[in-house]
Structures are given as structure tokens and as C-alpha cells.
Amino acid sequence: MELPAEDGVRLLVFALGKEQDERLFMRWIVHAQYEVSFDDFKKSLLPVRIDEKATMAKLDDIMENTTWQKMPIQG
């Protein structure tokens, strides 16, 4: 009996996820179990997504609405 490729990939992704959870759990047990829940610990390790377009728009707005002055060099 052969396992369809799609099912095999799903099984591998599931197994890798469980393995990662086990490793994270070990980190949580040693360091953070009394400070934060395991789920919150896992969430804190997720990469932060930055909206580049919104950030650049905010920077453009700041740059356009800033009055620039030359400051004398002291020293």
C-alpha cells in the first residue's frame, strides 16, 4: 500500500511541527514557565511582520512635515 505524495507531505509537516513544539516546550520549561504561558511563549518567538509600504508612507509624511534647520557644530 502506497501513501499518496500529498498525504506524505502533510504527515511530514505535522511531524516537524510537533518536533518543533517539543523543542520549544523544553526551552519554555527551563526559562519561562513561571512568567508566561506556553502558547504566549510560542507567539513571542514568531517573526514580526512589518508593513513596508505603511512604514515608508509614515516616514514620507514625517519628512514632508518637518522643518529642517542647520545646527551649528559645537566643539
Protein backbone atom coordinates (compact mmCIF):
# COMPACT_ATOMS: atom_id res chain seq x y z
CA MET A 1 0.00 0.00 0.00
CA GLU A 2 1.48 3.31 -1.07
CA LEU A 3 0.98 6.66 0.62
CA PRO A 4 -0.06 9.45 -1.76
CA ALA A 5 2.57 12.20 -2.02
CA GLU A 6 0.18 14.89 -0.77
CA ASP A 7 -0.62 12.85 2.35
CA GLY A 8 3.07 12.19 2.91
CA VAL A 9 3.87 15.88 2.77
CA ARG A 10 1.08 16.68 5.24
CA LEU A 11 2.39 13.97 7.56
CA LEU A 12 5.94 15.39 7.38
CA VAL A 13 4.75 18.94 8.04
CA PHE A 14 2.72 17.71 11.02
CA ALA A 15 5.66 15.72 12.41
CA LEU A 16 8.07 18.65 12.01
CA GLY A 17 5.59 20.93 13.76
CA LYS A 18 5.28 18.51 16.68
CA GLU A 19 9.08 18.21 16.90
CA GLN A 20 9.41 22.00 16.95
CA ASP A 21 6.74 22.23 19.67
CA GLU A 22 8.67 19.70 21.75
CA ARG A 23 11.89 21.72 21.46
CA LEU A 24 10.09 24.96 22.30
CA PHE A 25 8.46 23.26 25.27
CA MET A 26 11.89 22.30 26.60
CA ARG A 27 13.04 25.94 26.26
CA TRP A 28 9.88 27.14 27.98
CA ILE A 29 10.25 24.68 30.89
CA VAL A 30 13.80 25.84 31.61
CA HIS A 31 13.32 29.58 31.27
CA ALA A 32 9.80 30.98 31.16
CA GLN A 33 7.27 28.58 32.66
CA TYR A 34 6.52 30.80 35.67
CA GLU A 35 6.41 34.04 33.66
CA VAL A 36 4.29 33.27 30.61
CA SER A 37 2.04 30.52 29.24
CA PHE A 38 3.46 28.12 26.67
CA ASP A 39 1.19 29.49 23.93
CA ASP A 40 2.27 33.07 24.68
CA PHE A 41 5.90 31.94 24.69
CA LYS A 42 5.47 30.39 21.24
CA LYS A 43 3.75 33.54 19.94
CA SER A 44 6.57 35.72 21.25
CA LEU A 45 9.04 33.81 19.07
CA LEU A 46 7.16 34.40 15.83
CA PRO A 47 8.83 36.86 13.46
CA VAL A 48 7.37 40.35 13.43
CA ARG A 49 5.84 41.33 10.10
CA ILE A 50 6.40 44.94 9.13
CA ASP A 51 4.19 46.62 6.54
CA GLU A 52 6.89 48.28 4.46
CA LYS A 53 4.51 50.44 2.44
CA ALA A 54 2.81 51.83 5.55
CA THR A 55 6.16 52.44 7.24
CA MET A 56 7.53 54.26 4.21
CA ALA A 57 4.35 56.34 3.96
CA LYS A 58 4.74 57.37 7.61
CA LEU A 59 8.38 58.28 7.03
CA ASP A 60 7.47 60.32 3.95
CA ASP A 61 4.85 62.16 5.99
CA ILE A 62 7.36 62.89 8.75
CA MET A 63 9.95 64.10 6.26
CA GLU A 64 7.46 66.36 4.46
CA ASN A 65 6.12 67.90 7.67
CA THR A 66 9.46 68.54 9.35
CA THR A 67 11.10 71.94 9.32
CA TRP A 68 14.79 71.43 8.85
CA GLN A 69 17.34 73.84 10.24
CA LYS A 70 21.09 73.81 10.07
CA MET A 71 22.54 73.46 13.55
CA PRO A 72 25.92 74.98 14.34
CA ILE A 73 28.66 72.49 15.10
CA GLN A 74 29.87 72.90 18.64
CA GLY A 75 33.34 71.99 19.62
